[in-house]
Amino acid sequence: MTFLLFGILRFFYHFKQYSFSEIGKAGCVLFICLFSIKISAQKVVVSKEINVKNNYAYDIFPDINRNIIFYHDRGQEHLLEIYDENLTFQHSSEINFPDKNVDIISVEKADSILNVFFHWKEPPFFHLAKMSIDQNGKQLDSISIVFSLESVIPPKFRHVTSDDGSKLAIFWVENKFFNYMVLSNKNQCEIIEAGKIENKNFNFKTDFMGIILTNQGNIFLLGQKARSWNNLSEESFMLLAIENQEYNLQYLRAKNYLISQLKMKYDEKNKKLCFAGLLSKNVEDAAVGYFTYSLTGKETDIELFVNEQLFSLEFIGEVYGKKTTKIKKINDIFLENMILREDGGSLLVLEIKKEFLRRAGSGGITRFGDVYNGRGYIDYYNEDIIVLALHADGSEFWKKILYKKQFSQDDNAMYSSCFLFLTPTRLKFVYNDEIKSNNTVSEYVIDPLGNVERKSVLNTQYQNLKLRFKDAIQTSGNTMIVPSEYINKVNLVRIEYPN
């Protein structure tokens, strides 16, 4: 746009050498260009600054009956800021709990309201309760106690939400038992199912790795035994399926390699549990290949073996930008996401990430036992993204490398990586070109056949924005909200693509 305006000024500066008819024609062309730029550009709206200096945490809840609620967790103070859909501040309100020492378990969106699940101690009981809040931050009805637990030791409640947001599972470990409750996430909260499970092969305190709650209320637990020099259990993962207070334990293994990383998602449309992971020989952050696996629930074998897919030398050479016959692995690669397709296939999103810790005023690092001496800096490198498109049987459809190079220091890489924006016909990987205030935001656009196009989305120059795309929220087919955070100040940024 700047270059176009500069061209217009130069044109009128030298207009005397052209006829009026030529000037008129050129003016029409310039007007058409300006109009085209206006209709194709993204619309960006920025909220006022939000102070989060005293926050333990914060969260953003868009589209609560067309309002946006910004939640502040300040320990004993819980504040809500209300914004309209244009990010204009409306008012703030405070959540009033029955006790000042409550612990928030989860704040969940439920249609046009927020449900706050929390617990507090009233000796000898711990009460687990829920309150509902409307789009204006006002409490609806009275607080309802869902469950009371008599215990001396405070339980460590954790939670997981179903994909459609209709259900919430709250669970905790007591001695060797896994306790759980499946609750309806509605205005009138009710317990759908509750249970208590013990298994001698699954230590719920040390082996636990992940949990999924399906839209039907079934629970899947993922675990792995702690590694040791005489224990081969690192080659397998444990899967515990819970339904109607009964459970089934199975093992997921690879025959020739180690499963170094694993993602688990439930395919609600095709009713199957999907796994994806990376394979390695002996180094967790260096992968020689990958796998996918689908579990329908009808499998009777205790041991389930994955179909191993190795990276070809040609593909590894493409990642490193050179031909190779010796390099047979990709270093510093991590499985970031698994996207399920309606036809039963999937897309795997991998990213190359590195971290380096170095001492100030020194060329190297001295280390003793896992403790670093002296003040150090952590450098973060978030580099290329690899996208693998797979058919339902696990075979490759296409694979692409999206080249980028992000560097930051001592920020936990909070501004790095990318946000995956989903549309019915395209995938958009939106990211910061550089990690600084004056920065260009770019995107890779991929169609269903794997054709890639790189575009510029916006420029943050002179706007003092540092966008955290890893924490962005997609609110519609063409709109996202991105938090911009800098020195204890947050702005909400809405980016709207043209229809």
Protein backbone atom coordinates (compact mmCIF):
# COMPACT_ATOMS: atom_id res chain seq x y z
CA MET A 1 0.00 0.00 0.00
CA THR A 2 2.89 2.38 0.83
CA PHE A 3 4.57 1.69 -2.49
CA LEU A 4 1.28 2.30 -4.34
CA LEU A 5 0.78 5.69 -2.69
CA PHE A 6 4.36 6.62 -3.48
CA GLY A 7 3.70 5.70 -7.10
CA ILE A 8 0.60 7.94 -7.13
CA LEU A 9 2.64 10.90 -5.86
CA ARG A 10 5.30 10.35 -8.48
CA PHE A 11 2.62 10.08 -11.15
CA PHE A 12 1.07 13.45 -10.30
CA TYR A 13 4.50 15.03 -9.93
CA HIS A 14 5.26 14.20 -13.56
CA PHE A 15 1.69 14.59 -14.89
CA LYS A 16 2.66 17.43 -17.26
CA GLN A 17 4.30 15.04 -19.71
CA TYR A 18 0.99 13.15 -20.22
CA SER A 19 -2.24 14.15 -21.90
CA PHE A 20 -5.42 14.57 -19.87
CA SER A 21 -6.91 11.46 -21.46
CA GLU A 22 -3.90 9.41 -20.43
CA ILE A 23 -4.09 10.86 -16.92
CA GLY A 24 -7.76 9.90 -16.74
CA LYS A 25 -7.07 6.33 -17.84
CA ALA A 26 -4.20 5.95 -15.39
CA GLY A 27 -6.34 7.43 -12.60
CA CYS A 28 -9.04 4.85 -13.26
CA VAL A 29 -6.47 2.05 -13.08
CA LEU A 30 -5.12 3.40 -9.78
CA PHE A 31 -8.64 3.72 -8.36
CA ILE A 32 -9.39 0.10 -9.29
CA CYS A 33 -6.13 -1.02 -7.63
CA LEU A 34 -6.96 0.86 -4.42
CA PHE A 35 -10.49 -0.55 -4.35
CA SER A 36 -9.15 -4.09 -4.90
CA ILE A 37 -6.72 -3.73 -2.01
CA LYS A 38 -9.49 -2.51 0.29
CA ILE A 39 -11.85 -5.40 -0.38
CA SER A 40 -9.14 -8.09 -0.17
CA ALA A 41 -7.48 -6.87 3.03
CA GLN A 42 -8.13 -8.38 6.43
CA LYS A 43 -10.09 -6.35 8.95
CA VAL A 44 -8.25 -5.95 12.26
CA VAL A 45 -9.86 -4.67 15.48
CA VAL A 46 -7.89 -4.13 18.71
CA SER A 47 -9.34 -3.82 22.21
CA LYS A 48 -8.14 -1.53 24.96
CA GLU A 49 -5.20 -2.62 27.11
CA ILE A 50 -6.07 -5.14 29.83
CA ASN A 51 -3.88 -5.19 32.93
CA VAL A 52 -2.86 -8.74 33.94
CA LYS A 53 -0.02 -7.83 36.28
CA ASN A 54 -1.67 -9.41 39.35
CA ASN A 55 -3.07 -12.42 37.52
CA TYR A 56 -2.20 -16.03 38.19
CA ALA A 57 -3.85 -16.80 34.86
CA TYR A 58 -6.40 -15.48 32.39
CA ASP A 59 -8.76 -16.94 29.82
CA ILE A 60 -10.85 -15.72 26.90
CA PHE A 61 -14.41 -16.86 26.18
CA PRO A 62 -15.76 -15.61 22.84
CA ASP A 63 -19.37 -15.64 21.67
CA ILE A 64 -21.17 -15.81 25.01
CA ASN A 65 -24.46 -14.64 23.53
CA ARG A 66 -22.44 -12.35 21.20
CA ASN A 67 -20.29 -11.00 24.04
CA ILE A 68 -16.65 -11.77 24.78
CA ILE A 69 -15.70 -12.46 28.40
CA PHE A 70 -12.13 -11.98 29.64
CA TYR A 71 -11.59 -13.93 32.87
CA HIS A 72 -8.96 -12.86 35.45
CA ASP A 73 -7.78 -15.41 38.02
CA ARG A 74 -6.08 -13.43 40.80
CA GLY A 75 -6.08 -16.04 43.52
CA GLN A 76 -8.75 -14.88 45.93
CA GLU A 77 -10.19 -12.46 43.38
CA HIS A 78 -11.95 -13.62 40.21
CA LEU A 79 -12.84 -10.83 37.82
CA LEU A 80 -14.76 -10.78 34.53
CA GLU A 81 -14.40 -8.08 31.87
CA ILE A 82 -17.21 -7.92 29.29
CA TYR A 83 -16.60 -6.84 25.69
CA ASP A 84 -19.05 -6.69 22.81
CA GLU A 85 -18.38 -8.40 19.49
CA ASN A 86 -16.51 -5.29 18.27
CA LEU A 87 -14.12 -5.57 21.26
CA THR A 88 -15.58 -2.46 22.90
CA PHE A 89 -15.33 -2.65 26.69
CA GLN A 90 -18.75 -2.75 28.43
CA HIS A 91 -18.17 -3.27 32.15
CA SER A 92 -16.52 -5.56 34.69
CA SER A 93 -17.92 -7.75 37.46
CA GLU A 94 -16.54 -9.95 40.21
CA ILE A 95 -17.53 -13.57 40.87
CA ASN A 96 -18.74 -14.00 44.45
CA PHE A 97 -17.99 -17.42 45.90
CA PRO A 98 -19.26 -18.90 49.21
CA ASP A 99 -15.71 -18.94 50.57
CA LYS A 100 -12.66 -16.78 49.86
CA ASN A 101 -10.39 -19.84 49.57
CA VAL A 102 -12.12 -21.63 46.71
CA ASP A 103 -10.14 -23.49 44.05
CA ILE A 104 -11.35 -23.21 40.47
CA ILE A 105 -11.49 -26.58 38.70
CA SER A 106 -12.67 -25.29 35.34
CA VAL A 107 -14.60 -22.52 33.61
CA GLU A 108 -16.58 -23.93 30.69
CA LYS A 109 -18.69 -22.37 27.96
CA ALA A 110 -22.20 -23.86 27.73
CA ASP A 111 -24.23 -22.36 24.89
CA SER A 112 -24.95 -18.76 25.98
CA ILE A 113 -23.58 -19.00 29.54
CA LEU A 114 -20.42 -19.85 31.48
CA ASN A 115 -20.34 -22.69 34.01
CA VAL A 116 -17.80 -22.31 36.81
CA PHE A 117 -16.84 -25.56 38.58
CA PHE A 118 -15.02 -25.09 41.88
CA HIS A 119 -14.46 -26.63 45.32
CA TRP A 120 -13.77 -25.45 48.85
CA LYS A 121 -13.18 -26.93 52.27
CA GLU A 122 -15.81 -27.02 54.99
CA PRO A 123 -14.39 -29.56 57.51
CA PRO A 124 -14.64 -32.45 57.33
CA PHE A 125 -15.92 -32.10 53.75
CA PHE A 126 -14.68 -30.79 50.43
CA HIS A 127 -17.60 -29.47 48.43
CA LEU A 128 -17.56 -29.56 44.65
CA ALA A 129 -20.02 -27.03 43.24
CA LYS A 130 -21.11 -25.20 40.10
CA MET A 131 -22.40 -21.73 39.34
CA SER A 132 -23.67 -20.30 36.05
CA ILE A 133 -22.87 -16.82 34.71
CA ASP A 134 -24.65 -15.02 31.86
CA GLN A 135 -23.18 -12.93 29.04
CA ASN A 136 -23.09 -9.84 31.28
CA GLY A 137 -21.10 -11.51 34.05
CA LYS A 138 -24.09 -11.88 36.36
CA GLN A 139 -24.70 -15.01 38.42
CA LEU A 140 -27.73 -17.09 37.43
CA ASP A 141 -29.75 -18.87 40.10
CA SER A 142 -27.98 -20.16 43.21
CA ILE A 143 -24.81 -22.16 43.67
CA SER A 144 -25.47 -25.89 43.39
CA ILE A 145 -23.32 -28.41 45.28
CA VAL A 146 -22.64 -31.35 42.95
CA PHE A 147 -20.68 -33.60 45.29
CA SER A 148 -19.24 -33.60 48.83
CA LEU A 149 -16.17 -35.64 49.71
CA GLU A 150 -15.14 -36.40 53.28
CA SER A 151 -11.34 -36.35 53.37
CA VAL A 152 -8.44 -35.08 55.44
CA ILE A 153 -6.13 -34.60 52.45
CA PRO A 154 -7.37 -32.08 49.86
CA PRO A 155 -8.14 -33.91 46.61
CA LYS A 156 -6.35 -32.79 43.45
CA PHE A 157 -9.29 -32.42 41.10
CA ARG A 158 -8.57 -32.43 37.38
CA HIS A 159 -10.93 -32.27 34.43
CA VAL A 160 -11.48 -33.00 30.75
CA THR A 161 -14.25 -31.72 28.45
CA SER A 162 -15.95 -33.54 25.60
CA ASP A 163 -15.39 -32.28 22.07
CA ASP A 164 -18.89 -30.79 21.76
CA GLY A 165 -18.69 -29.21 25.23
CA SER A 166 -21.81 -31.02 26.45
CA LYS A 167 -20.04 -33.02 29.18
CA LEU A 168 -17.28 -32.60 31.71
CA ALA A 169 -15.37 -35.33 33.55
CA ILE A 170 -13.81 -34.44 36.90
CA PHE A 171 -11.32 -36.98 38.22
CA TRP A 172 -8.83 -37.43 41.03
CA VAL A 173 -6.52 -40.15 42.34
CA GLU A 174 -6.96 -41.42 45.89
CA ASN A 175 -4.44 -44.03 47.03
CA LYS A 176 -4.46 -46.55 44.14
CA PHE A 177 -7.92 -45.65 42.91
CA PHE A 178 -8.95 -43.55 39.94
CA ASN A 179 -12.15 -41.67 40.87
CA TYR A 180 -14.25 -39.94 38.23
CA MET A 181 -17.57 -38.19 37.66
CA VAL A 182 -19.08 -37.38 34.29
CA LEU A 183 -21.23 -34.23 34.54
CA SER A 184 -23.57 -32.52 32.11
CA ASN A 185 -22.30 -29.08 31.17
CA LYS A 186 -25.66 -27.35 31.19
CA ASN A 187 -27.48 -24.83 33.34
CA GLN A 188 -28.91 -27.70 35.36
CA CYS A 189 -25.85 -29.80 36.18
CA GLU A 190 -26.34 -33.51 36.87
CA ILE A 191 -24.06 -36.51 37.41
CA ILE A 192 -24.29 -38.79 34.38
CA GLU A 193 -21.89 -41.43 35.67
CA ALA A 194 -19.46 -41.90 38.56
CA GLY A 195 -17.01 -44.64 39.38
CA LYS A 196 -13.91 -45.82 41.20
CA ILE A 197 -11.32 -48.01 39.44
CA GLU A 198 -8.20 -49.87 40.53
CA ASN A 199 -5.76 -51.70 38.24
CA LYS A 200 -2.50 -53.30 39.36
CA ASN A 201 -0.83 -52.68 35.97
CA PHE A 202 -1.81 -49.02 35.68
CA ASN A 203 -0.45 -46.70 38.36
CA PHE A 204 -2.72 -43.68 38.08
CA LYS A 205 -0.22 -41.42 39.85
CA THR A 206 2.97 -42.20 37.90
CA ASP A 207 1.81 -43.78 34.61
CA PHE A 208 -0.90 -41.30 33.65
CA MET A 209 -0.25 -39.38 30.38
CA GLY A 210 -3.61 -38.26 29.00
CA ILE A 211 -7.37 -38.60 29.03
CA ILE A 212 -10.24 -38.23 26.55
CA LEU A 213 -13.97 -37.84 27.20
CA THR A 214 -16.21 -38.64 24.23
CA ASN A 215 -19.48 -36.88 23.44
CA GLN A 216 -21.27 -40.04 24.66
CA GLY A 217 -19.51 -39.87 28.05
CA ASN A 218 -16.96 -42.68 27.60
CA ILE A 219 -13.46 -42.22 29.04
CA PHE A 220 -10.09 -43.30 27.62
CA LEU A 221 -6.95 -43.13 29.74
CA LEU A 222 -3.46 -43.20 28.23
CA GLY A 223 -0.44 -44.26 30.26
CA GLN A 224 3.16 -45.40 30.06
CA LYS A 225 5.39 -47.10 32.59
CA ALA A 226 8.39 -45.22 33.92
CA ARG A 227 11.53 -46.16 32.03
CA SER A 228 14.44 -48.05 33.55
CA TRP A 229 17.51 -49.88 32.24
CA ASN A 230 15.98 -53.34 32.73
CA ASN A 231 12.41 -52.47 31.76
CA LEU A 232 11.16 -52.78 28.18
CA SER A 233 7.83 -51.13 28.90
CA GLU A 234 8.95 -47.92 27.18
CA GLU A 235 8.13 -49.67 23.92
CA SER A 236 4.43 -49.69 24.73
CA PHE A 237 1.64 -47.42 25.85
CA MET A 238 -1.31 -48.48 27.98
CA LEU A 239 -4.88 -47.72 27.02
CA LEU A 240 -7.63 -48.02 29.61
CA ALA A 241 -11.18 -47.71 28.22
CA ILE A 242 -13.93 -46.95 30.78
CA GLU A 243 -17.61 -47.41 29.97
CA ASN A 244 -20.50 -47.95 32.40
CA GLN A 245 -18.07 -48.36 35.33
CA GLU A 246 -16.27 -51.22 33.55
CA TYR A 247 -12.83 -51.02 32.00
CA ASN A 248 -10.57 -52.79 29.51
CA LEU A 249 -6.75 -52.53 29.39
CA GLN A 250 -4.76 -52.88 26.15
CA TYR A 251 -1.19 -52.13 25.05
CA LEU A 252 -0.09 -50.17 21.99
CA ARG A 253 3.32 -51.16 20.62
CA ALA A 254 5.69 -50.80 17.66
CA LYS A 255 7.61 -53.89 16.56
CA ASN A 256 10.92 -52.43 15.38
CA TYR A 257 11.14 -48.92 16.87
CA LEU A 258 10.28 -46.93 19.97
CA ILE A 259 7.12 -44.83 20.10
CA SER A 260 8.69 -41.55 21.16
CA GLN A 261 5.65 -39.24 20.88
CA LEU A 262 1.94 -39.97 20.83
CA LYS A 263 -1.32 -38.08 20.22
CA MET A 264 -4.80 -39.47 20.91
CA LYS A 265 -8.15 -38.19 19.59
CA TYR A 266 -11.63 -39.64 19.30
CA ASP A 267 -13.33 -39.57 15.90
CA GLU A 268 -16.96 -38.80 16.77
CA LYS A 269 -18.20 -39.22 13.20
CA ASN A 270 -16.61 -42.63 12.54
CA LYS A 271 -16.77 -43.80 16.18
CA LYS A 272 -13.15 -44.80 16.60
CA LEU A 273 -10.19 -43.84 18.78
CA CYS A 274 -7.31 -42.51 16.68
CA PHE A 275 -3.62 -42.50 17.51
CA ALA A 276 -0.67 -40.86 15.79
CA GLY A 277 2.93 -40.82 16.87
CA LEU A 278 6.59 -40.58 15.96
CA LEU A 279 9.05 -43.47 15.84
CA SER A 280 12.67 -43.35 16.97
CA LYS A 281 15.54 -45.70 17.67
CA ASN A 282 16.84 -44.34 20.95
CA VAL A 283 16.52 -40.52 20.90
CA GLU A 284 13.12 -39.02 21.68
CA ASP A 285 13.50 -35.81 19.68
CA ALA A 286 14.92 -37.50 16.56
CA ALA A 287 12.33 -39.36 14.49
CA VAL A 288 12.90 -41.98 11.79
CA GLY A 289 9.20 -42.21 10.92
CA TYR A 290 5.64 -42.05 12.13
CA PHE A 291 2.46 -44.10 12.46
CA THR A 292 -1.31 -43.85 12.76
CA TYR A 293 -3.65 -46.38 14.35
CA SER A 294 -7.43 -46.60 14.75
CA LEU A 295 -9.24 -48.51 17.48
CA THR A 296 -12.93 -49.31 16.99
CA GLY A 297 -13.48 -51.02 20.35
CA LYS A 298 -14.08 -54.43 18.79
CA GLU A 299 -10.42 -55.47 19.03
CA THR A 300 -9.94 -58.37 21.44
CA ASP A 301 -6.12 -58.56 21.38
CA ILE A 302 -4.33 -57.25 24.45
CA GLU A 303 -1.34 -56.13 22.36
CA LEU A 304 -2.00 -53.78 19.44
CA PHE A 305 0.82 -53.27 16.91
CA VAL A 306 1.06 -50.08 14.85
CA ASN A 307 1.90 -49.86 11.15
CA GLU A 308 5.34 -48.25 10.96
CA GLN A 309 6.01 -45.67 8.21
CA LEU A 310 9.62 -44.51 7.76
CA PHE A 311 10.76 -41.20 6.32
CA SER A 312 12.46 -41.65 2.95
CA LEU A 313 15.99 -40.34 2.33
CA GLU A 314 14.59 -38.03 -0.35
CA PHE A 315 12.14 -36.48 2.11
CA ILE A 316 14.79 -36.10 4.83
CA GLY A 317 17.01 -34.39 2.25
CA GLU A 318 14.15 -32.04 1.41
CA VAL A 319 13.75 -31.14 5.08
CA TYR A 320 17.47 -30.36 5.45
CA GLY A 321 17.75 -28.74 2.02
CA LYS A 322 20.41 -31.11 0.69
CA LYS A 323 20.73 -34.58 -0.72
CA THR A 324 21.70 -37.18 1.83
CA THR A 325 22.50 -40.84 2.01
CA LYS A 326 23.72 -40.88 5.60
CA ILE A 327 21.11 -38.90 7.55
CA LYS A 328 18.21 -41.28 8.25
CA LYS A 329 16.34 -39.29 10.87
CA ILE A 330 14.92 -35.82 11.48
CA ASN A 331 16.26 -34.17 14.62
CA ASP A 332 14.33 -31.93 17.03
CA ILE A 333 10.96 -32.76 15.53
CA PHE A 334 7.72 -32.79 17.52
CA LEU A 335 4.18 -33.94 16.75
CA GLU A 336 2.08 -30.84 17.46
CA ASN A 337 -1.38 -31.73 16.18
CA MET A 338 -3.54 -34.41 14.61
CA ILE A 339 -6.55 -33.30 12.55
CA LEU A 340 -9.24 -35.88 11.79
CA ARG A 341 -10.98 -35.85 8.41
CA GLU A 342 -14.58 -36.89 7.92
CA ASP A 343 -13.55 -39.67 5.52
CA GLY A 344 -11.52 -41.35 8.28
CA GLY A 345 -8.18 -39.94 7.18
CA SER A 346 -6.02 -37.53 9.12
CA LEU A 347 -3.45 -34.75 8.90
CA LEU A 348 -0.37 -34.74 11.10
CA VAL A 349 1.29 -31.42 11.90
CA LEU A 350 4.95 -31.62 12.95
CA GLU A 351 7.29 -28.79 13.89
CA ILE A 352 11.06 -28.58 14.26
CA LYS A 353 11.87 -26.91 17.59
CA LYS A 354 15.14 -26.34 19.46
CA GLU A 355 16.10 -24.88 22.82
CA PHE A 356 19.60 -23.80 23.85
CA LEU A 357 20.60 -22.68 27.33
CA ARG A 358 23.76 -20.62 27.52
CA ARG A 359 25.52 -18.76 30.27
CA ALA A 360 25.97 -15.01 30.18
CA GLY A 361 29.51 -13.96 29.30
CA SER A 362 30.57 -17.47 28.43
CA GLY A 363 30.85 -19.46 25.26
CA GLY A 364 29.61 -22.66 26.79
CA ILE A 365 27.57 -24.26 29.57
CA THR A 366 28.84 -25.84 32.76
CA ARG A 367 26.54 -28.38 34.27
CA PHE A 368 26.49 -30.55 37.34
CA GLY A 369 23.71 -33.02 37.92
CA ASP A 370 20.89 -31.12 36.02
CA VAL A 371 21.70 -27.87 37.83
CA TYR A 372 23.11 -25.00 35.80
CA ASN A 373 25.49 -22.59 37.55
CA GLY A 374 25.25 -18.88 36.95
CA ARG A 375 22.73 -16.77 35.10
CA GLY A 376 21.77 -18.11 31.69
CA TYR A 377 19.68 -17.33 28.66
CA ILE A 378 17.37 -19.69 26.81
CA ASP A 379 17.23 -19.37 23.05
CA TYR A 380 14.16 -20.75 21.30
CA TYR A 381 14.11 -21.76 17.64
CA ASN A 382 10.77 -22.71 16.07
CA GLU A 383 11.45 -23.71 12.53
CA ASP A 384 9.83 -25.62 9.67
CA ILE A 385 6.38 -27.20 9.82
CA ILE A 386 5.74 -30.56 8.17
CA VAL A 387 2.19 -31.52 7.19
CA LEU A 388 1.39 -35.17 6.39
CA ALA A 389 -1.98 -35.96 4.78
CA LEU A 390 -2.95 -39.60 5.28
CA HIS A 391 -5.75 -41.80 3.99
CA ALA A 392 -7.98 -43.80 6.35
CA ASP A 393 -5.71 -46.86 5.98
CA GLY A 394 -2.65 -44.79 7.02
CA SER A 395 -1.10 -44.51 3.54
CA GLU A 396 0.23 -41.14 2.41
CA PHE A 397 -1.85 -38.80 0.28
CA TRP A 398 0.65 -35.93 0.23
CA LYS A 399 3.24 -34.26 2.47
CA LYS A 400 4.48 -30.67 2.51
CA ILE A 401 7.20 -28.67 4.22
CA LEU A 402 6.24 -25.12 5.27
CA TYR A 403 9.47 -23.22 5.71
CA LYS A 404 9.79 -20.65 8.51
CA LYS A 405 12.42 -19.63 11.02
CA GLN A 406 11.45 -18.01 14.32
CA PHE A 407 13.91 -17.05 17.03
CA SER A 408 13.23 -15.66 20.50
CA GLN A 409 14.94 -15.49 23.86
CA ASP A 410 13.71 -16.02 27.42
CA ASP A 411 10.00 -15.88 26.50
CA ASN A 412 9.12 -19.59 26.60
CA ALA A 413 8.47 -19.30 22.84
CA MET A 414 5.05 -17.82 23.60
CA TYR A 415 5.00 -15.79 20.36
CA SER A 416 6.41 -18.54 18.15
CA SER A 417 4.93 -21.52 16.32
CA CYS A 418 1.62 -20.96 14.49
CA PHE A 419 -2.17 -21.11 14.65
CA LEU A 420 -4.09 -23.58 12.51
CA PHE A 421 -7.15 -21.84 11.06
CA LEU A 422 -9.68 -24.28 9.58
CA THR A 423 -12.12 -23.49 6.78
CA PRO A 424 -14.32 -25.91 4.81
CA THR A 425 -11.93 -25.82 1.83
CA ARG A 426 -8.56 -24.64 3.16
CA LEU A 427 -6.05 -24.92 5.98
CA LYS A 428 -4.31 -21.71 7.06
CA PHE A 429 -1.13 -21.79 9.15
CA VAL A 430 -0.86 -18.25 10.57
CA TYR A 431 2.40 -17.19 12.24
CA ASN A 432 4.75 -14.32 13.11
CA ASP A 433 7.58 -13.96 10.59
CA GLU A 434 9.79 -12.52 13.31
CA ILE A 435 9.38 -12.33 17.06
CA LYS A 436 9.29 -8.58 17.60
CA SER A 437 6.77 -5.74 17.86
CA ASN A 438 7.22 -4.44 14.31
CA ASN A 439 6.52 -7.67 12.51
CA THR A 440 4.84 -9.14 9.47
CA VAL A 441 2.20 -11.82 10.03
CA SER A 442 2.14 -14.45 7.28
CA GLU A 443 0.18 -17.55 6.45
CA TYR A 444 0.53 -20.75 4.45
CA VAL A 445 -2.73 -21.71 2.72
CA ILE A 446 -3.16 -25.38 1.75
CA ASP A 447 -6.01 -26.82 -0.31
CA PRO A 448 -7.28 -30.45 -0.06
CA LEU A 449 -4.84 -31.60 -2.77
CA GLY A 450 -1.81 -30.22 -0.97
CA ASN A 451 -1.25 -27.11 -3.11
CA VAL A 452 0.46 -24.42 -0.99
CA GLU A 453 0.38 -20.65 -1.22
CA ARG A 454 2.17 -18.22 1.08
CA LYS A 455 0.55 -14.84 1.83
CA SER A 456 1.05 -11.81 4.07
CA VAL A 457 -1.84 -11.22 6.48
CA LEU A 458 -0.97 -7.95 8.24
CA ASN A 459 1.84 -5.78 9.54
CA THR A 460 2.11 -4.79 13.20
CA GLN A 461 4.49 -1.87 12.64
CA TYR A 462 3.78 1.11 14.97
CA GLN A 463 0.93 -0.82 16.64
CA ASN A 464 2.87 -2.24 19.63
CA LEU A 465 1.35 -5.68 19.17
CA LYS A 466 3.02 -8.98 20.06
CA LEU A 467 0.60 -11.64 18.93
CA ARG A 468 0.40 -15.04 20.63
CA PHE A 469 -0.86 -17.18 17.76
CA LYS A 470 -0.42 -20.40 19.76
CA ASP A 471 -3.27 -19.17 21.98
CA ALA A 472 -5.55 -17.82 19.24
CA ILE A 473 -9.22 -18.83 19.13
CA GLN A 474 -11.16 -19.35 15.93
CA THR A 475 -14.63 -17.83 16.37
CA SER A 476 -16.12 -18.40 12.90
CA GLY A 477 -15.21 -19.54 9.41
CA ASN A 478 -13.41 -16.26 8.74
CA THR A 479 -12.63 -14.74 12.16
CA MET A 480 -10.14 -15.36 14.97
CA ILE A 481 -9.27 -13.65 18.24
CA VAL A 482 -5.58 -13.45 19.14
CA PRO A 483 -4.20 -12.22 22.47
CA SER A 484 -1.38 -9.69 22.21
CA GLU A 485 0.70 -9.62 25.39
CA TYR A 486 3.55 -7.31 26.32
CA ILE A 487 4.84 -6.38 29.81
CA ASN A 488 1.74 -7.41 31.80
CA LYS A 489 -0.65 -5.83 29.30
CA VAL A 490 -2.99 -7.76 27.01
CA ASN A 491 -4.95 -6.59 23.99
CA LEU A 492 -7.56 -8.69 22.26
CA VAL A 493 -7.05 -8.61 18.50
CA ARG A 494 -9.77 -9.75 16.12
CA ILE A 495 -8.65 -10.66 12.60
CA GLU A 496 -11.44 -11.03 10.10
CA TYR A 497 -10.81 -12.46 6.64
CA PRO A 498 -12.91 -11.19 3.72
CA ASN A 499 -15.79 -13.50 2.81
